[in-house]
Each structure stands twice: as C-alpha cells, then as structure tokens.
Amino acid sequence: MSRRPAVIAYDIGDNRDRRAALRILREWRLDGQRSVHECLLSQEEAAELFVQLAGVMDPDNDRLLLAWLDRRGQAQARGKGRIGGGHPGLLGLR
C-alpha cells in the first residue's frame, strides 16, 4: 500500500460538527493546526477518511478539501513560522 502526503482542510460552521471532524482527523494526521492537517494516506485511506468526515459534515454548508502534495515540488513559505514542523522530510524540506 503506497502512501502519499496530503493536506486536508475544512470549513465547518457548526461547532459540534467541527469538533467531531477534528477527532476523526487526529486519528489520521501527522500534524495540523486549526482546520488544516497533514496526512500520509493511500488512495483507499483517503476514501475512508472522506466517508468518515462526510458523516459529520453538512453538505450544503460545509466544505472539505484534500490536496495531494507532489514530493518533487519545491515548498514555498512566507512569514515567521517554522516550516517543516516535526516531519522535515514530508515536504521535501531539510
């Protein structure tokens, strides 16, 4: 099973639903902040995660995004934040 790095972001209006989504993502993520999370997923795991998140989201009002990261690309960053977090190899940063 081949896993690839991905970023999952969501915009969930209801506080209860947002906390439920965060609980689900804590089982899957490598790291995260607020509503953006880094994961290492296979295609099958990504599909399962979407099923789990769909169960706590309102499809008419909430939004969910999964973006696969290309390991060959160069990461870009601005600001004072530390890039690389606890997983310096994930984004190709050293």
C-alpha atoms as a PDB file:
ATOM      1  CA  MET A   1       0.000   0.000   0.000  1.00  0.00           C
ATOM      2  CA  SER A   2       1.648   3.199  -1.217  1.00  0.00           C
ATOM      3  CA  ARG A   3       1.036   6.292   0.887  1.00  0.00           C
ATOM      4  CA  ARG A   4       1.423   9.872  -0.303  1.00  0.00           C
ATOM      5  CA  PRO A   5       1.485  13.148   1.611  1.00  0.00           C
ATOM      6  CA  ALA A   6      -1.723  15.156   1.540  1.00  0.00           C
ATOM      7  CA  VAL A   7      -3.179  18.260   3.105  1.00  0.00           C
ATOM      8  CA  ILE A   8      -6.767  18.197   4.294  1.00  0.00           C
ATOM      9  CA  ALA A   9      -8.573  21.456   5.016  1.00  0.00           C
ATOM     10  CA  TYR A  10     -12.152  22.047   6.041  1.00  0.00           C
ATOM     11  CA  ASP A  11     -14.576  24.884   6.710  1.00  0.00           C
ATOM     12  CA  ILE A  12     -17.298  23.640   9.051  1.00  0.00           C
ATOM     13  CA  GLY A  13     -19.778  26.124  10.503  1.00  0.00           C
ATOM     14  CA  ASP A  14     -21.249  24.124  13.372  1.00  0.00           C
ATOM     15  CA  ASN A  15     -19.004  23.876  16.460  1.00  0.00           C
ATOM     16  CA  ARG A  16     -20.124  20.329  17.314  1.00  0.00           C
ATOM     17  CA  ASP A  17     -19.508  19.098  13.769  1.00  0.00           C
ATOM     18  CA  ARG A  18     -16.124  20.850  13.674  1.00  0.00           C
ATOM     19  CA  ARG A  19     -15.028  19.132  16.915  1.00  0.00           C
ATOM     20  CA  ALA A  20     -16.214  15.773  15.540  1.00  0.00           C
ATOM     21  CA  ALA A  21     -14.172  16.301  12.347  1.00  0.00           C
ATOM     22  CA  LEU A  22     -11.117  17.194  14.422  1.00  0.00           C
ATOM     23  CA  ARG A  23     -11.485  13.998  16.480  1.00  0.00           C
ATOM     24  CA  ILE A  24     -11.616  11.949  13.270  1.00  0.00           C
ATOM     25  CA  LEU A  25      -8.592  13.700  11.764  1.00  0.00           C
ATOM     26  CA  ARG A  26      -6.491  13.273  14.900  1.00  0.00           C
ATOM     27  CA  GLU A  27      -6.539   9.534  14.171  1.00  0.00           C
ATOM     28  CA  TRP A  28      -5.183  10.069  10.651  1.00  0.00           C
ATOM     29  CA  ARG A  29      -2.967  13.124  10.712  1.00  0.00           C
ATOM     30  CA  LEU A  30       0.754  13.600  11.129  1.00  0.00           C
ATOM     31  CA  ASP A  31       0.361  17.217  12.200  1.00  0.00           C
ATOM     32  CA  GLY A  32      -2.150  20.002  11.948  1.00  0.00           C
ATOM     33  CA  GLN A  33      -3.323  23.410  13.007  1.00  0.00           C
ATOM     34  CA  ARG A  34      -6.925  24.528  13.327  1.00  0.00           C
ATOM     35  CA  SER A  35      -8.660  23.341  10.163  1.00  0.00           C
ATOM     36  CA  VAL A  36      -5.634  22.277   8.089  1.00  0.00           C
ATOM     37  CA  HIS A  37      -3.987  18.877   8.601  1.00  0.00           C
ATOM     38  CA  GLU A  38      -1.066  16.946   7.090  1.00  0.00           C
ATOM     39  CA  CYS A  39      -1.703  13.270   6.441  1.00  0.00           C
ATOM     40  CA  LEU A  40       0.110  10.377   4.830  1.00  0.00           C
ATOM     41  CA  LEU A  41      -2.586   8.374   3.021  1.00  0.00           C
ATOM     42  CA  SER A  42      -3.127   5.704   0.429  1.00  0.00           C
ATOM     43  CA  GLN A  43      -5.978   6.136  -2.063  1.00  0.00           C
ATOM     44  CA  GLU A  44      -8.075   3.695  -0.022  1.00  0.00           C
ATOM     45  CA  GLU A  45      -7.342   5.515   3.253  1.00  0.00           C
ATOM     46  CA  ALA A  46      -8.243   8.861   1.674  1.00  0.00           C
ATOM     47  CA  ALA A  47     -11.578   7.429   0.534  1.00  0.00           C
ATOM     48  CA  GLU A  48     -12.258   6.029   4.021  1.00  0.00           C
ATOM     49  CA  LEU A  49     -11.354   9.347   5.649  1.00  0.00           C
ATOM     50  CA  PHE A  50     -13.761  11.171   3.318  1.00  0.00           C
ATOM     51  CA  VAL A  51     -16.556   8.751   4.269  1.00  0.00           C
ATOM     52  CA  GLN A  52     -15.892   9.364   7.968  1.00  0.00           C
ATOM     53  CA  LEU A  53     -15.782  13.143   7.571  1.00  0.00           C
ATOM     54  CA  ALA A  54     -18.906  13.182   5.387  1.00  0.00           C
ATOM     55  CA  GLY A  55     -20.789  11.653   8.307  1.00  0.00           C
ATOM     56  CA  VAL A  56     -20.230  14.744  10.458  1.00  0.00           C
ATOM     57  CA  MET A  57     -20.485  17.470   7.808  1.00  0.00           C
ATOM     58  CA  ASP A  58     -23.437  19.379   6.357  1.00  0.00           C
ATOM     59  CA  PRO A  59     -23.031  19.021   2.566  1.00  0.00           C
ATOM     60  CA  ASP A  60     -24.996  22.223   1.917  1.00  0.00           C
ATOM     61  CA  ASN A  61     -22.909  24.491   4.147  1.00  0.00           C
ATOM     62  CA  ASP A  62     -19.541  22.872   4.912  1.00  0.00           C
ATOM     63  CA  ARG A  63     -16.510  22.407   2.674  1.00  0.00           C
ATOM     64  CA  LEU A  64     -13.753  19.798   2.574  1.00  0.00           C
ATOM     65  CA  LEU A  65     -10.554  19.789   0.517  1.00  0.00           C
ATOM     66  CA  LEU A  66      -7.881  17.122   0.082  1.00  0.00           C
ATOM     67  CA  ALA A  67      -4.790  18.171  -1.855  1.00  0.00           C
ATOM     68  CA  TRP A  68      -2.140  15.598  -2.692  1.00  0.00           C
ATOM     69  CA  LEU A  69       1.371  17.007  -2.297  1.00  0.00           C
ATOM     70  CA  ASP A  70       3.953  16.475  -5.000  1.00  0.00           C
ATOM     71  CA  ARG A  71       7.232  15.440  -3.393  1.00  0.00           C
ATOM     72  CA  ARG A  72       9.177  16.682  -6.408  1.00  0.00           C
ATOM     73  CA  GLY A  73       7.944  20.244  -5.972  1.00  0.00           C
ATOM     74  CA  GLN A  74       9.665  22.971  -4.013  1.00  0.00           C
ATOM     75  CA  ALA A  75       7.781  24.152  -0.909  1.00  0.00           C
ATOM     76  CA  GLN A  76       7.228  27.897  -0.612  1.00  0.00           C
ATOM     77  CA  ALA A  77       6.700  29.721   2.689  1.00  0.00           C
ATOM     78  CA  ARG A  78       6.395  33.281   3.957  1.00  0.00           C
ATOM     79  CA  GLY A  79       6.209  34.721   7.430  1.00  0.00           C
ATOM     80  CA  LYS A  80       7.861  33.921  10.716  1.00  0.00           C
ATOM     81  CA  GLY A  81       6.531  30.383  11.129  1.00  0.00           C
ATOM     82  CA  ARG A  82       8.862  27.424  11.173  1.00  0.00           C
ATOM     83  CA  ILE A  83       8.486  25.287   8.068  1.00  0.00           C
ATOM     84  CA  GLY A  84       8.961  21.559   8.211  1.00  0.00           C
ATOM     85  CA  GLY A  85       7.321  21.060  11.613  1.00  0.00           C
ATOM     86  CA  GLY A  86       8.097  17.700  13.140  1.00  0.00           C
ATOM     87  CA  HIS A  87       8.373  15.972   9.762  1.00  0.00           C
ATOM     88  CA  PRO A  88      11.137  17.666   7.761  1.00  0.00           C
ATOM     89  CA  GLY A  89      11.165  15.028   5.013  1.00  0.00           C
ATOM     90  CA  LEU A  90       7.434  15.134   4.325  1.00  0.00           C
ATOM     91  CA  LEU A  91       7.500  18.257   2.185  1.00  0.00           C
ATOM     92  CA  GLY A  92      10.975  17.698   0.839  1.00  0.00           C
ATOM     93  CA  LEU A  93      12.431  20.252   3.251  1.00  0.00           C
ATOM     94  CA  ARG A  94      15.709  19.644   5.022  1.00  0.00           C
END
